[in-house]
Amino acid sequence: MPAVSAVFTLLVMNMLRVDAVYLKPGDFCIALRPTIVKTVLGSCVTITMYSARTKIGAACHALLPTCREDQGPQCSTGTCQTASRYVECIIPEMARRMQEKGMVLSELEIKLFGGADMMMESLADHQRVGSQNVLKSKMLLARLGMTIKSSDVGGAAGRKLIFDTRSGDVWIKRLIP
């Protein structure tokens, strides 16, 4: 049956003229056309940004809270090749690109997902990447004056995420740890 379900999904998406994107770890996208964005998260985080006015949406799949490479001015100019892997790099980059598309940051609907601590009992607090990703995300979004409308973060379970850029809706399915 899975093949029939996948074929049906493709037919519906073609009829509705909706693109589909799967975000792998370290990916991000800005959808100028109606798009269904999917990803699976563990300790990584996805931040979605959506403008109801323009119907443009953006999403990332960031792996780590801070950049481990010395990119210097490349991160602030958008030329860093690994920026989408790091929360501290991709949030400002997504905000910059949305502004380039004519949006004001205050109009964006922000949502935050993921950040599970998959091996909670075996790690000290400072080693829990999921928690660090969530904290860094919240800090950077607040610094940019962006308010999180909704979130589903933390815990020990991974998540499957679907983001519809036509409406800004996000669906989450928690995966059994």
Protein backbone atom coordinates (compact mmCIF):
# COMPACT_ATOMS: atom_id res chain seq x y z
CA MET A 1 0.00 0.00 0.00
CA PRO A 2 2.76 2.60 0.61
CA ALA A 3 3.34 2.89 -3.16
CA VAL A 4 -0.34 3.72 -3.77
CA SER A 5 -0.26 6.34 -1.01
CA ALA A 6 2.88 7.95 -2.46
CA VAL A 7 1.38 7.99 -5.97
CA PHE A 8 -1.85 9.54 -4.64
CA THR A 9 0.15 12.22 -2.80
CA LEU A 10 2.06 13.08 -5.97
CA LEU A 11 -1.16 13.26 -8.00
CA VAL A 12 -2.80 15.59 -5.48
CA MET A 13 0.31 17.77 -5.29
CA ASN A 14 0.47 18.00 -9.10
CA MET A 15 -3.22 18.93 -9.29
CA LEU A 16 -2.72 21.63 -6.67
CA ARG A 17 0.58 22.78 -8.23
CA VAL A 18 2.46 22.25 -4.98
CA ASP A 19 6.19 21.59 -4.87
CA ALA A 20 7.72 19.18 -2.37
CA VAL A 21 11.04 19.55 -0.56
CA TYR A 22 12.73 17.17 1.86
CA LEU A 23 15.17 18.96 4.18
CA LYS A 24 18.20 16.87 5.04
CA PRO A 25 20.35 17.86 8.03
CA GLY A 26 22.09 21.11 7.20
CA ASP A 27 19.55 22.13 4.52
CA PHE A 28 17.28 25.14 4.33
CA CYS A 29 14.82 26.47 1.79
CA ILE A 30 12.83 29.55 0.98
CA ALA A 31 9.66 28.66 -0.91
CA LEU A 32 8.36 31.31 -3.28
CA ARG A 33 5.72 28.91 -4.62
CA PRO A 34 3.33 26.68 -2.66
CA THR A 35 5.52 23.96 -1.17
CA ILE A 36 5.24 21.08 1.26
CA VAL A 37 8.47 20.90 3.26
CA LYS A 38 9.22 17.67 5.14
CA THR A 39 11.98 16.62 7.48
CA VAL A 40 12.74 14.31 10.39
CA LEU A 41 14.32 15.72 13.55
CA GLY A 42 16.17 14.33 16.54
CA SER A 43 18.47 16.75 18.36
CA CYS A 44 18.41 19.07 15.32
CA VAL A 45 15.95 21.96 15.13
CA THR A 46 13.71 23.31 12.42
CA ILE A 47 12.72 26.94 12.44
CA THR A 48 9.91 27.94 10.09
CA MET A 49 9.24 31.50 9.00
CA TYR A 50 6.04 32.37 7.16
CA SER A 51 4.51 35.55 5.78
CA ALA A 52 0.72 35.45 5.42
CA ARG A 53 0.91 38.59 3.25
CA THR A 54 3.30 37.18 0.64
CA LYS A 55 2.63 33.45 1.16
CA ILE A 56 6.39 32.90 1.29
CA GLY A 57 7.80 30.39 3.75
CA ALA A 58 11.27 29.37 4.86
CA ALA A 59 12.53 26.44 6.87
CA CYS A 60 15.86 25.07 8.04
CA HIS A 61 17.23 21.87 9.55
CA ALA A 62 20.09 23.03 11.79
CA LEU A 63 22.38 20.44 13.39
CA LEU A 64 24.41 22.34 16.00
CA PRO A 65 23.95 25.51 18.06
CA THR A 66 27.23 27.23 17.20
CA CYS A 67 29.57 27.33 14.24
CA ARG A 68 32.71 25.30 14.76
CA GLU A 69 34.49 26.86 11.81
CA ASP A 70 36.06 30.31 11.64
CA GLN A 71 34.21 31.76 8.68
CA GLY A 72 34.94 35.38 9.61
CA PRO A 73 32.88 37.84 7.57
CA GLN A 74 31.44 35.09 5.36
CA CYS A 75 28.69 34.27 7.86
CA SER A 76 27.42 37.85 7.97
CA THR A 77 27.54 38.25 4.17
CA GLY A 78 25.73 35.01 3.35
CA THR A 79 28.67 33.42 1.54
CA CYS A 80 29.50 30.81 4.18
CA GLN A 81 29.05 27.35 2.64
CA THR A 82 28.14 25.63 5.94
CA ALA A 83 25.90 28.29 7.51
CA SER A 84 22.72 26.21 7.31
CA ARG A 85 24.22 23.60 9.65
CA TYR A 86 24.39 25.98 12.62
CA VAL A 87 21.58 27.70 14.51
CA GLU A 88 23.72 30.80 15.14
CA CYS A 89 24.34 31.22 11.41
CA ILE A 90 21.11 30.13 9.74
CA ILE A 91 18.58 32.14 11.76
CA PRO A 92 20.11 35.53 10.84
CA GLU A 93 20.62 34.30 7.26
CA MET A 94 16.96 33.24 6.93
CA ALA A 95 15.84 36.59 8.38
CA ARG A 96 18.10 38.48 5.96
CA ARG A 97 16.79 36.56 2.97
CA MET A 98 13.16 37.05 3.99
CA GLN A 99 13.81 40.79 4.29
CA GLU A 100 15.37 40.73 0.80
CA LYS A 101 12.07 39.27 -0.43
CA GLY A 102 10.24 42.34 0.95
CA MET A 103 9.14 41.09 4.34
CA VAL A 104 9.40 42.89 7.66
CA LEU A 105 10.61 40.60 10.46
CA SER A 106 7.66 41.54 12.70
CA GLU A 107 5.18 40.15 10.14
CA LEU A 108 6.77 36.70 10.10
CA GLU A 109 5.12 33.81 11.89
CA ILE A 110 7.91 31.90 13.63
CA LYS A 111 7.71 28.29 14.76
CA LEU A 112 10.38 26.12 16.42
CA PHE A 113 10.58 22.32 16.49
CA GLY A 114 12.92 19.50 17.50
CA GLY A 115 15.80 19.68 19.91
CA ALA A 116 15.23 16.27 21.46
CA ASP A 117 17.87 15.00 23.84
CA MET A 118 18.02 11.48 22.48
CA MET A 119 20.37 10.12 25.17
CA MET A 120 19.26 12.23 28.13
CA GLU A 121 20.39 9.98 30.96
CA SER A 122 23.93 9.50 29.67
CA LEU A 123 24.88 13.15 29.09
CA ALA A 124 25.59 16.14 31.31
CA ASP A 125 23.49 19.27 30.68
CA HIS A 126 26.25 21.04 28.74
CA GLN A 127 26.55 18.06 26.38
CA ARG A 128 22.89 17.88 25.36
CA VAL A 129 22.91 19.15 21.80
CA GLY A 130 19.12 19.22 21.49
CA SER A 131 18.68 21.51 24.50
CA GLN A 132 21.53 23.72 23.30
CA ASN A 133 19.93 24.02 19.85
CA VAL A 134 16.63 25.11 21.38
CA LEU A 135 18.23 27.64 23.74
CA LYS A 136 20.37 29.16 20.97
CA SER A 137 17.32 29.38 18.67
CA LYS A 138 15.22 31.16 21.28
CA MET A 139 18.05 33.55 22.13
CA LEU A 140 18.72 34.52 18.49
CA LEU A 141 15.06 34.90 17.59
CA ALA A 142 14.53 37.15 20.62
CA ARG A 143 17.62 39.18 19.71
CA LEU A 144 16.12 39.75 16.24
CA GLY A 145 12.78 40.77 17.80
CA MET A 146 11.03 37.70 16.41
CA THR A 147 8.34 36.07 18.55
CA ILE A 148 7.81 32.32 18.47
CA LYS A 149 4.14 31.64 17.74
CA SER A 150 4.30 27.93 18.52
CA SER A 151 6.83 25.24 19.27
CA ASP A 152 7.25 21.58 20.08
CA VAL A 153 10.75 21.09 21.47
CA GLY A 154 12.79 18.94 23.83
CA GLY A 155 11.97 15.57 25.28
CA ALA A 156 13.50 12.29 24.19
CA ALA A 157 11.49 11.61 21.02
CA GLY A 158 12.33 12.55 17.46
CA ARG A 159 9.76 14.24 15.27
CA LYS A 160 8.53 14.02 11.71
CA LEU A 161 7.60 17.50 10.45
CA ILE A 162 5.48 18.73 7.55
CA PHE A 163 5.34 22.48 6.76
CA ASP A 164 2.79 23.84 4.27
CA THR A 165 3.94 27.18 2.86
CA ARG A 166 0.46 27.94 1.50
CA SER A 167 -0.85 28.46 5.03
CA GLY A 168 2.13 28.37 7.40
CA ASP A 169 0.65 25.27 9.05
CA VAL A 170 3.05 22.73 10.55
CA TRP A 171 2.17 19.17 11.49
CA ILE A 172 4.29 17.13 13.87
CA LYS A 173 4.33 13.41 14.54
CA ARG A 174 6.41 12.33 17.51
CA LEU A 175 8.48 9.24 16.89
CA ILE A 176 8.68 6.53 19.50
CA PRO A 177 12.06 6.75 21.31
